[in-house]
Amino acid sequence: MTDAAIALTKTKPRPRRQWAPYLLILPSLLYLAVFFAWPMTRAIRLAVWDETALLTLRQEAAAGSAAAGVLPQGAAVSLLDRRSNLAAEADLSGASLTETWFFVQGLDPGGNAVAGWAPESRIRVRTTDAAGAAIGGTVRPKLGAGADPLTSLYSEPNEGSAIAGKLEGSAAVSIGEQAVLEVWFLIEGEGEGERISGWAPSRVLQVYGDGVSGRIDRGDTGQLTRAYIQRMLNDRFFRPAFYTTLLLIVLIIPVQFALAIIMALVIQARLKFNTLFLAIFAIPLAASDLAVGILWYAIFTQSGYLNSILQALGLIAAPNAFLTADTRYWILIAIWLAEVWRATSIVMVIVVSGLQAISQEVLEAAEVFGATLWQRLRHVILPLLKPSLQVALILRTILALQVFAVVIALSGGDVVTVLANETYRQYYTLRNMNVAAAYAGFILLISMFSAIIYLRMVRSSEEASA
């Protein structure tokens, strides 16, 4: 090799990285992340994670205090002591026990001016300003022979702080600022085989009427749990919904695929009025699920089209009640017919696109060699349609698992129920997002499992040999 060739080889520029494909795929990745990955992650978390499973007890009656132990949600506890503590306004929920403290100024028994904090229970408000805020009052006298007649004032709105002074009963005081404190309890309960005690705010506890016992209402720490999945499995509607969903899949998909292939072959044959056939076949695509359910309800109801036609033909003397609890099988038939009518067009569109990708030369060659229509369909068309059939099967199974509006329209969701309806019931009616997420996750699991089966069973020759 000459020196010039060597020089050219050394100075040959490196190929530039093509960023266009990455920029083109970026919107798709963002879409998948925002509308698929994030909602799916949240749903799975709701189904297996209990946000309030454990309550961390504190060594002192303060949120920033060191942890003293952990008790599970629902644990029975004994109330050993109580103390008031300042809390953020957001923490003072309706479940919190609160105390109001006043910063007061007055004269002690020796005539010296003292100022400090006192609980509202020790101060009787006498005067208020135009806004209704307390500005003056007197100290409540203490009753009982053994009680200290003097009321202590504290340097902070907390009985654990230093005493700033004392006032005798009925002494006049001026009231400055006031503070709302949350009550904390020193509790003791059973946790992990041992007795654990510590402080907890009242907002996370349910205090019983006796004032010395209660239970942990909610925790502040989450953990993995199977409770929501177990509640879904033990739900009395779970098995009927699961079996009905599987039954509808078995009844709907074979009929839909047979009809869709016939409709696609009619369109592919380019018969006269071919465009009219396509328009008629595509009519259900313009109707929503709920509209289809209402349409078929109008057919099967007692005063609907079916009864009217049967009566007009003299086949029945009085209208039949098809959509009732006693005729559950008719409700299933109505749902089956409605779903077949509604979604067959979707499968047809996919099959038509697959047929258009098949070379006409292959079909003509099969016809020249004497293959009948059935032989061409079985040995030529269907094998070449496997990629399209994979997509159609996966899409249609997912849609069948999501059947909801048609079931609601035809049965009200009570006589006949499906998994999607139970997801809605748990979320909207029972307000149980965790069990609803468990139902949604179960539907997702069935969808993924069926997709894997279809990808394994309906494979083209190239995929099978790979």
Protein backbone atom coordinates (compact mmCIF):
# COMPACT_ATOMS: atom_id res chain seq x y z
CA MET A 1 0.00 0.00 0.00
CA THR A 2 1.39 3.39 -0.95
CA ASP A 3 1.99 6.19 1.53
CA ALA A 4 -0.87 8.19 0.02
CA ALA A 5 -3.33 5.32 0.51
CA ILE A 6 -2.17 4.90 4.10
CA ALA A 7 -2.66 8.60 4.73
CA LEU A 8 -6.18 8.48 3.27
CA THR A 9 -7.00 5.48 5.44
CA LYS A 10 -5.85 7.24 8.58
CA THR A 11 -7.74 10.43 7.83
CA LYS A 12 -11.04 8.70 6.91
CA PRO A 13 -13.75 10.40 8.98
CA ARG A 14 -15.83 8.36 11.40
CA PRO A 15 -19.51 7.92 10.51
CA ARG A 16 -21.73 10.46 12.23
CA ARG A 17 -24.26 9.18 14.73
CA GLN A 18 -27.80 9.43 13.39
CA TRP A 19 -29.97 11.09 16.02
CA ALA A 20 -33.13 11.24 13.92
CA PRO A 21 -34.40 7.73 14.91
CA TYR A 22 -33.96 8.55 18.60
CA LEU A 23 -35.81 11.85 18.24
CA LEU A 24 -38.63 10.11 16.38
CA ILE A 25 -39.07 7.43 19.05
CA LEU A 26 -38.80 9.85 21.98
CA PRO A 27 -42.50 10.95 21.90
CA SER A 28 -43.56 7.28 21.91
CA LEU A 29 -41.37 6.57 24.93
CA LEU A 30 -42.76 9.60 26.77
CA TYR A 31 -46.30 8.50 25.94
CA LEU A 32 -45.65 4.99 27.25
CA ALA A 33 -44.04 6.34 30.41
CA VAL A 34 -46.83 8.83 31.21
CA PHE A 35 -49.91 6.89 30.13
CA PHE A 36 -48.83 3.27 30.66
CA ALA A 37 -45.80 2.70 32.89
CA TRP A 38 -46.67 5.25 35.57
CA PRO A 39 -50.40 4.34 35.94
CA MET A 40 -49.56 0.62 35.90
CA THR A 41 -46.90 1.11 38.58
CA ARG A 42 -49.32 3.09 40.72
CA ALA A 43 -52.03 0.44 40.33
CA ILE A 44 -49.68 -2.37 41.30
CA ARG A 45 -48.49 -0.38 44.31
CA LEU A 46 -52.07 0.19 45.46
CA ALA A 47 -52.78 -3.53 45.18
CA VAL A 48 -49.76 -4.77 47.18
CA TRP A 49 -48.70 -1.88 49.40
CA ASP A 50 -50.48 -0.76 52.57
CA GLU A 51 -49.62 2.90 53.16
CA THR A 52 -50.80 2.88 56.80
CA ALA A 53 -49.81 -0.61 57.93
CA LEU A 54 -47.47 0.37 60.76
CA LEU A 55 -47.37 3.16 63.34
CA THR A 56 -44.02 4.41 64.62
CA LEU A 57 -44.14 5.26 68.32
CA ARG A 58 -41.98 8.11 69.61
CA GLN A 59 -39.92 8.39 72.76
CA GLU A 60 -41.28 11.88 73.38
CA ALA A 61 -44.58 13.57 72.46
CA ALA A 62 -43.12 15.20 69.36
CA ALA A 63 -43.00 14.23 65.70
CA GLY A 64 -39.23 14.68 65.51
CA SER A 65 -38.51 12.50 68.51
CA ALA A 66 -36.57 9.24 68.21
CA ALA A 67 -38.54 6.08 67.40
CA ALA A 68 -39.46 3.85 70.33
CA GLY A 69 -40.96 0.97 68.36
CA VAL A 70 -43.56 -0.01 65.78
CA LEU A 71 -47.12 -1.32 66.22
CA PRO A 72 -49.38 -2.66 63.46
CA GLN A 73 -52.56 -0.93 62.36
CA GLY A 74 -55.59 -2.18 64.30
CA ALA A 75 -53.57 -3.21 67.36
CA ALA A 76 -55.31 -2.79 70.72
CA VAL A 77 -53.47 -0.35 73.02
CA SER A 78 -53.61 0.91 76.59
CA LEU A 79 -53.48 4.68 77.23
CA LEU A 80 -50.93 5.38 79.97
CA ASP A 81 -50.59 9.18 79.84
CA ARG A 82 -51.52 12.20 77.72
CA ARG A 83 -49.74 15.39 76.78
CA SER A 84 -50.46 18.33 74.49
CA ASN A 85 -48.05 19.35 71.79
CA LEU A 86 -47.89 21.89 68.98
CA ALA A 87 -48.75 20.41 65.58
CA ALA A 88 -48.83 21.66 62.02
CA GLU A 89 -52.24 22.94 60.91
CA ALA A 90 -52.40 20.21 58.26
CA ASP A 91 -52.11 17.56 61.00
CA LEU A 92 -55.11 18.83 62.95
CA SER A 93 -57.67 16.66 61.19
CA GLY A 94 -61.19 16.01 62.42
CA ALA A 95 -59.93 12.89 64.21
CA SER A 96 -57.44 14.86 66.35
CA LEU A 97 -58.06 15.66 69.99
CA THR A 98 -56.99 19.25 70.57
CA GLU A 99 -56.47 21.70 73.44
CA THR A 100 -56.35 25.49 73.30
CA TRP A 101 -53.75 27.36 75.35
CA PHE A 102 -53.72 31.08 76.16
CA PHE A 103 -50.73 33.32 76.78
CA VAL A 104 -51.86 35.33 79.80
CA GLN A 105 -50.48 38.14 81.99
CA GLY A 106 -51.50 38.86 85.58
CA LEU A 107 -50.34 39.41 89.17
CA ASP A 108 -49.21 36.55 91.36
CA PRO A 109 -50.17 36.32 95.07
CA GLY A 110 -47.17 38.53 95.92
CA GLY A 111 -48.29 41.30 93.56
CA ASN A 112 -45.59 40.62 90.99
CA ALA A 113 -46.41 40.63 87.28
CA VAL A 114 -46.13 37.20 85.70
CA ALA A 115 -46.79 35.96 82.18
CA GLY A 116 -46.97 32.53 80.64
CA TRP A 117 -49.09 29.88 78.97
CA ALA A 118 -52.11 28.24 80.56
CA PRO A 119 -54.60 25.71 79.15
CA GLU A 120 -58.08 26.91 78.26
CA SER A 121 -59.49 24.66 80.98
CA ARG A 122 -57.85 26.94 83.61
CA ILE A 123 -58.93 30.29 82.12
CA ARG A 124 -62.48 31.65 81.99
CA VAL A 125 -62.82 34.09 79.10
CA ARG A 126 -64.63 37.27 80.13
CA THR A 127 -64.08 39.72 77.25
CA THR A 128 -63.47 39.39 73.51
CA ASP A 129 -62.63 41.81 70.71
CA ALA A 130 -64.75 42.63 67.67
CA ALA A 131 -63.48 39.52 65.88
CA GLY A 132 -64.45 37.27 68.78
CA ALA A 133 -60.89 36.62 70.00
CA ALA A 134 -60.38 36.37 73.77
CA ILE A 135 -58.61 39.41 75.31
CA GLY A 136 -59.40 39.13 79.00
CA GLY A 137 -60.58 36.74 81.68
CA THR A 138 -60.07 35.23 85.11
CA VAL A 139 -58.35 32.15 86.50
CA ARG A 140 -60.71 29.32 87.33
CA PRO A 141 -60.56 28.36 91.03
CA LYS A 142 -59.46 24.82 91.82
CA LEU A 143 -61.91 22.69 93.73
CA GLY A 144 -60.97 19.96 96.19
CA ALA A 145 -59.26 20.02 99.56
CA GLY A 146 -56.06 18.43 98.35
CA ALA A 147 -55.70 20.49 95.14
CA ASP A 148 -53.05 23.17 94.74
CA PRO A 149 -55.00 26.48 94.85
CA LEU A 150 -52.57 28.13 92.45
CA THR A 151 -52.60 27.73 88.67
CA SER A 152 -49.18 27.32 87.04
CA LEU A 153 -48.12 29.32 84.00
CA TYR A 154 -45.62 27.69 81.66
CA SER A 155 -42.88 29.19 79.51
CA GLU A 156 -44.24 27.23 76.52
CA PRO A 157 -47.70 25.84 75.71
CA ASN A 158 -46.71 22.50 77.20
CA GLU A 159 -47.03 21.15 80.72
CA GLY A 160 -43.55 19.68 80.37
CA SER A 161 -41.92 23.11 80.01
CA ALA A 162 -40.58 25.33 82.80
CA ILE A 163 -43.01 27.07 85.16
CA ALA A 164 -42.96 30.84 84.57
CA GLY A 165 -45.19 31.78 87.49
CA LYS A 166 -48.38 31.04 89.40
CA LEU A 167 -51.74 32.75 89.74
CA GLU A 168 -54.39 32.30 92.38
CA GLY A 169 -58.02 31.50 91.61
CA SER A 170 -60.26 34.30 90.27
CA ALA A 171 -57.23 36.48 89.46
CA ALA A 172 -57.83 38.81 86.50
CA VAL A 173 -55.63 38.23 83.45
CA SER A 174 -55.17 39.74 80.02
CA ILE A 175 -55.07 37.25 77.17
CA GLY A 176 -52.63 37.64 74.31
CA GLU A 177 -52.03 35.02 71.66
CA GLN A 178 -53.50 31.55 71.71
CA ALA A 179 -52.25 28.19 70.42
CA VAL A 180 -54.13 25.04 69.41
CA LEU A 181 -52.30 21.90 70.53
CA GLU A 182 -52.81 18.30 69.58
CA VAL A 183 -53.18 15.70 72.31
CA TRP A 184 -50.57 12.92 72.31
CA PHE A 185 -50.98 9.68 74.22
CA LEU A 186 -48.41 7.41 75.79
CA ILE A 187 -49.65 4.02 74.59
CA GLU A 188 -48.62 0.42 75.08
CA GLY A 189 -49.45 -2.52 72.84
CA GLU A 190 -48.33 -5.90 71.53
CA GLY A 191 -45.91 -5.82 68.61
CA GLU A 192 -43.81 -8.67 67.20
CA GLY A 193 -44.21 -10.77 70.37
CA GLU A 194 -43.24 -8.06 72.86
CA ARG A 195 -44.86 -5.15 74.66
CA ILE A 196 -43.97 -1.82 73.08
CA SER A 197 -44.75 1.61 74.50
CA GLY A 198 -44.31 5.11 73.14
CA TRP A 199 -46.03 8.36 72.28
CA ALA A 200 -48.48 8.72 69.37
CA PRO A 201 -50.69 11.63 68.21
CA SER A 202 -54.43 11.36 68.79
CA ARG A 203 -55.20 11.70 65.05
CA VAL A 204 -53.93 8.15 64.41
CA LEU A 205 -55.72 6.57 67.37
CA GLN A 206 -59.28 5.58 68.17
CA VAL A 207 -59.85 6.29 71.86
CA TYR A 208 -62.61 4.28 73.50
CA GLY A 209 -65.17 5.72 75.88
CA ASP A 210 -63.39 4.50 79.01
CA GLY A 211 -60.47 6.82 78.25
CA VAL A 212 -57.86 4.18 79.08
CA SER A 213 -57.97 1.93 76.02
CA GLY A 214 -58.19 2.22 72.24
CA ARG A 215 -56.78 0.96 68.98
CA ILE A 216 -54.43 2.17 66.26
CA ASP A 217 -56.66 3.60 63.54
CA ARG A 218 -53.96 4.18 60.94
CA GLY A 219 -50.21 4.06 60.69
CA ASP A 220 -47.59 6.32 59.18
CA THR A 221 -45.41 3.67 57.51
CA GLY A 222 -46.24 1.28 54.67
CA GLN A 223 -45.33 -2.32 53.98
CA LEU A 224 -46.01 -5.05 51.42
CA THR A 225 -49.28 -6.87 51.98
CA ARG A 226 -51.46 -9.56 50.45
CA ALA A 227 -54.54 -8.34 52.28
CA TYR A 228 -56.09 -6.52 49.31
CA ILE A 229 -55.54 -9.44 46.95
CA GLN A 230 -56.99 -11.77 49.58
CA ARG A 231 -60.02 -9.51 49.96
CA MET A 232 -60.50 -9.58 46.21
CA LEU A 233 -60.33 -13.38 46.13
CA ASN A 234 -62.76 -13.63 49.06
CA ASP A 235 -65.18 -11.14 47.54
CA ARG A 236 -68.50 -12.88 46.90
CA PHE A 237 -68.69 -11.34 43.41
CA PHE A 238 -65.17 -12.38 42.35
CA ARG A 239 -65.89 -15.92 41.16
CA PRO A 240 -69.13 -15.09 39.31
CA ALA A 241 -67.38 -12.16 37.62
CA PHE A 242 -64.33 -14.26 36.72
CA TYR A 243 -66.34 -17.18 35.32
CA THR A 244 -68.67 -14.89 33.37
CA THR A 245 -65.72 -13.02 31.86
CA LEU A 246 -64.06 -16.27 30.75
CA LEU A 247 -67.38 -17.56 29.39
CA LEU A 248 -67.88 -14.42 27.31
CA ILE A 249 -64.34 -14.71 25.93
CA VAL A 250 -64.95 -18.32 24.90
CA LEU A 251 -68.32 -17.46 23.31
CA ILE A 252 -67.36 -14.20 21.63
CA ILE A 253 -63.90 -14.63 20.11
CA PRO A 254 -64.44 -17.74 17.89
CA VAL A 255 -67.69 -16.36 16.44
CA GLN A 256 -66.16 -12.95 15.88
CA PHE A 257 -63.15 -14.35 14.05
CA ALA A 258 -65.28 -16.56 11.82
CA LEU A 259 -67.54 -13.65 10.92
CA ALA A 260 -64.62 -11.23 10.51
CA ILE A 261 -62.82 -13.58 8.08
CA ILE A 262 -66.01 -14.06 6.04
CA MET A 263 -66.61 -10.30 5.93
CA ALA A 264 -62.98 -9.67 4.94
CA LEU A 265 -63.16 -12.26 2.15
CA VAL A 266 -66.34 -10.65 0.82
CA ILE A 267 -64.62 -7.26 0.70
CA GLN A 268 -61.42 -8.74 -0.77
CA ALA A 269 -63.42 -10.44 -3.55
CA ARG A 270 -64.29 -6.97 -4.93
CA LEU A 271 -67.88 -7.88 -5.66
CA LYS A 272 -70.41 -5.43 -7.00
CA PHE A 273 -71.46 -2.90 -4.32
CA ASN A 274 -68.25 -3.75 -2.50
CA THR A 275 -68.09 -0.26 -1.00
CA LEU A 276 -71.63 -0.60 0.32
CA PHE A 277 -70.73 -3.87 2.05
CA LEU A 278 -67.73 -2.20 3.68
CA ALA A 279 -69.87 0.70 4.91
CA ILE A 280 -72.49 -1.65 6.38
CA PHE A 281 -69.85 -3.81 8.08
CA ALA A 282 -68.19 -0.72 9.58
CA ILE A 283 -71.37 0.78 11.10
CA PRO A 284 -70.74 -0.64 14.63
CA LEU A 285 -67.35 1.11 14.73
CA ALA A 286 -69.17 4.44 15.07
CA ALA A 287 -71.13 3.37 18.17
CA SER A 288 -69.80 3.52 21.74
CA ASP A 289 -70.04 0.59 24.14
CA LEU A 290 -72.85 2.19 26.13
CA ALA A 291 -74.82 3.09 22.98
CA VAL A 292 -74.58 -0.53 21.81
CA GLY A 293 -75.77 -1.74 25.22
CA ILE A 294 -78.76 0.61 25.14
CA LEU A 295 -79.56 -0.46 21.55
CA TRP A 296 -79.64 -4.15 22.44
CA TYR A 297 -81.56 -3.40 25.63
CA ALA A 298 -84.21 -1.82 23.40
CA ILE A 299 -84.31 -5.08 21.44
CA PHE A 300 -84.65 -7.47 24.39
CA THR A 301 -86.76 -5.47 26.85
CA GLN A 302 -90.42 -6.47 27.37
CA SER A 303 -91.66 -3.67 25.13
CA GLY A 304 -88.71 -3.99 22.75
CA TYR A 305 -88.36 -4.91 19.11
CA LEU A 306 -87.98 -8.67 19.65
CA ASN A 307 -91.25 -9.04 21.57
CA SER A 308 -93.02 -6.74 19.12
CA ILE A 309 -91.92 -8.85 16.13
CA LEU A 310 -92.79 -12.14 17.82
CA GLN A 311 -96.23 -10.85 18.76
CA ALA A 312 -96.82 -9.49 15.26
CA LEU A 313 -95.99 -12.91 13.82
CA GLY A 314 -98.34 -14.57 16.28
CA LEU A 315 -95.57 -16.66 17.85
CA ILE A 316 -96.24 -15.41 21.39
CA ALA A 317 -99.42 -14.17 23.08
CA ALA A 318 -97.77 -11.88 25.64
CA PRO A 319 -94.35 -10.20 25.87
CA ASN A 320 -91.58 -12.30 27.38
CA ALA A 321 -89.33 -10.96 30.13
CA PHE A 322 -85.86 -11.69 28.78
CA LEU A 323 -83.65 -9.48 30.96
CA THR A 324 -84.54 -10.61 34.50
CA ALA A 325 -82.82 -12.48 37.32
CA ASP A 326 -84.87 -15.58 36.50
CA THR A 327 -83.69 -15.53 32.85
CA ARG A 328 -79.99 -14.97 33.43
CA TYR A 329 -79.07 -17.02 30.37
CA TRP A 330 -80.98 -14.55 28.16
CA ILE A 331 -78.89 -11.72 29.60
CA LEU A 332 -75.73 -13.64 28.66
CA ILE A 333 -77.11 -14.23 25.16
CA ALA A 334 -77.93 -10.52 24.81
CA ILE A 335 -74.42 -9.52 25.96
CA TRP A 336 -72.89 -12.06 23.59
CA LEU A 337 -74.89 -10.80 20.60
CA ALA A 338 -74.19 -7.16 21.48
CA GLU A 339 -70.43 -7.74 21.77
CA VAL A 340 -70.27 -9.81 18.58
CA TRP A 341 -72.14 -7.10 16.69
CA ARG A 342 -70.08 -4.29 18.22
CA ALA A 343 -66.51 -5.53 17.91
CA THR A 344 -66.49 -7.88 14.89
CA SER A 345 -65.78 -4.89 12.66
CA ILE A 346 -62.54 -4.20 14.53
CA VAL A 347 -61.30 -7.72 13.81
CA MET A 348 -62.50 -7.39 10.19
CA VAL A 349 -60.40 -4.26 9.63
CA ILE A 350 -57.28 -6.06 10.88
CA VAL A 351 -57.99 -9.13 8.73
CA VAL A 352 -58.64 -6.98 5.64
CA SER A 353 -55.29 -5.24 6.09
CA GLY A 354 -53.62 -8.65 6.40
CA LEU A 355 -55.35 -9.93 3.23
CA GLN A 356 -54.16 -6.93 1.27
CA ALA A 357 -50.58 -7.80 2.22
CA ILE A 358 -50.90 -11.28 0.67
CA SER A 359 -49.59 -11.42 -2.91
CA GLN A 360 -52.29 -12.01 -5.49
CA GLU A 361 -49.84 -14.16 -7.42
CA VAL A 362 -49.80 -16.69 -4.58
CA LEU A 363 -53.61 -16.87 -4.50
CA GLU A 364 -53.82 -17.14 -8.29
CA ALA A 365 -51.20 -19.90 -8.32
CA ALA A 366 -53.21 -21.87 -5.77
CA GLU A 367 -56.33 -21.41 -7.85
CA VAL A 368 -54.51 -22.51 -11.05
CA PHE A 369 -53.39 -25.71 -9.35
CA GLY A 370 -57.04 -26.52 -8.57
CA ALA A 371 -57.29 -25.54 -4.91
CA THR A 372 -60.86 -24.94 -3.77
CA LEU A 373 -61.85 -21.87 -1.74
CA TRP A 374 -61.68 -23.89 1.50
CA GLN A 375 -58.25 -25.29 0.57
CA ARG A 376 -56.96 -21.83 -0.32
CA LEU A 377 -58.33 -20.47 2.96
CA ARG A 378 -56.87 -23.29 5.07
CA HIS A 379 -53.47 -23.82 3.44
CA VAL A 380 -52.67 -20.38 1.97
CA ILE A 381 -54.66 -17.50 3.43
CA LEU A 382 -54.78 -18.44 7.12
CA PRO A 383 -51.06 -19.33 7.39
CA LEU A 384 -50.14 -16.01 5.76
CA LEU A 385 -52.62 -14.18 8.02
CA LYS A 386 -51.00 -15.38 11.28
CA PRO A 387 -49.26 -12.05 12.07
CA SER A 388 -52.56 -10.19 11.63
CA LEU A 389 -54.45 -12.86 13.59
CA GLN A 390 -51.97 -12.49 16.46
CA VAL A 391 -52.73 -8.78 16.72
CA ALA A 392 -56.48 -9.33 16.39
CA LEU A 393 -56.55 -12.09 19.03
CA ILE A 394 -54.57 -10.07 21.55
CA LEU A 395 -56.60 -6.92 20.96
CA ARG A 396 -59.95 -8.70 21.06
CA THR A 397 -59.14 -10.66 24.22
CA ILE A 398 -58.09 -7.46 25.99
CA LEU A 399 -61.32 -5.78 24.88
CA ALA A 400 -63.37 -8.80 26.01
CA LEU A 401 -61.76 -8.60 29.45
CA GLN A 402 -62.79 -4.95 29.60
CA VAL A 403 -66.46 -5.51 28.75
CA PHE A 404 -68.32 -3.15 31.06
CA ALA A 405 -70.83 -0.69 29.58
CA VAL A 406 -72.76 -3.39 27.67
CA VAL A 407 -73.08 -5.46 30.86
CA ILE A 408 -74.28 -2.43 32.84
CA ALA A 409 -76.85 -1.51 30.18
CA LEU A 410 -78.28 -5.03 29.86
CA SER A 411 -78.12 -6.31 33.45
CA GLY A 412 -77.45 -3.33 35.68
CA GLY A 413 -74.25 -5.01 36.83
CA ASP A 414 -76.00 -7.06 39.52
CA VAL A 415 -77.61 -10.10 37.90
CA VAL A 416 -74.64 -10.65 35.58
CA THR A 417 -71.29 -9.19 36.51
CA VAL A 418 -67.79 -9.21 35.03
CA LEU A 419 -64.33 -8.33 36.29
CA ALA A 420 -64.40 -4.78 34.91
CA ASN A 421 -67.73 -4.16 36.63
CA GLU A 422 -66.35 -5.35 39.97
CA THR A 423 -63.35 -3.05 39.55
CA TYR A 424 -65.76 -0.15 39.09
CA ARG A 425 -67.90 -1.27 42.04
CA GLN A 426 -64.92 -1.42 44.40
CA TYR A 427 -63.58 1.96 43.28
CA TYR A 428 -66.75 4.03 42.92
CA THR A 429 -69.42 2.40 45.09
CA LEU A 430 -67.33 0.95 47.93
CA ARG A 431 -64.55 3.58 47.71
CA ASN A 432 -61.89 0.90 48.10
CA MET A 433 -59.09 1.87 45.73
CA ASN A 434 -56.77 -0.90 46.89
CA VAL A 435 -59.13 -3.77 46.11
CA ALA A 436 -60.09 -2.04 42.84
CA ALA A 437 -56.39 -1.93 41.96
CA ALA A 438 -56.15 -5.64 42.77
CA TYR A 439 -59.00 -6.33 40.31
CA ALA A 440 -57.31 -4.16 37.67
CA GLY A 441 -54.01 -5.94 38.22
CA PHE A 442 -55.75 -9.30 37.87
CA ILE A 443 -57.25 -8.21 34.52
CA LEU A 444 -53.78 -7.05 33.41
CA LEU A 445 -52.29 -10.41 34.42
CA ILE A 446 -54.88 -12.34 32.39
CA SER A 447 -54.29 -10.04 29.40
CA MET A 448 -50.52 -10.58 29.51
CA PHE A 449 -50.89 -14.34 29.98
CA SER A 450 -53.29 -14.63 27.03
CA ALA A 451 -51.00 -12.49 24.87
CA ILE A 452 -48.07 -14.83 25.57
CA ILE A 453 -50.22 -17.85 24.66
CA TYR A 454 -51.29 -16.25 21.38
CA LEU A 455 -47.72 -15.28 20.51
CA ARG A 456 -46.60 -18.86 21.11
CA MET A 457 -49.49 -20.66 19.43
CA VAL A 458 -50.23 -18.41 16.43
CA ARG A 459 -46.78 -18.01 14.90
CA SER A 460 -45.77 -17.61 11.30
CA SER A 461 -43.32 -20.04 9.73
CA GLU A 462 -40.50 -17.49 10.04
CA GLU A 463 -41.18 -17.02 13.77
CA ALA A 464 -41.43 -20.79 14.35
CA SER A 465 -38.08 -21.44 12.64
CA ALA A 466 -36.32 -18.61 14.50
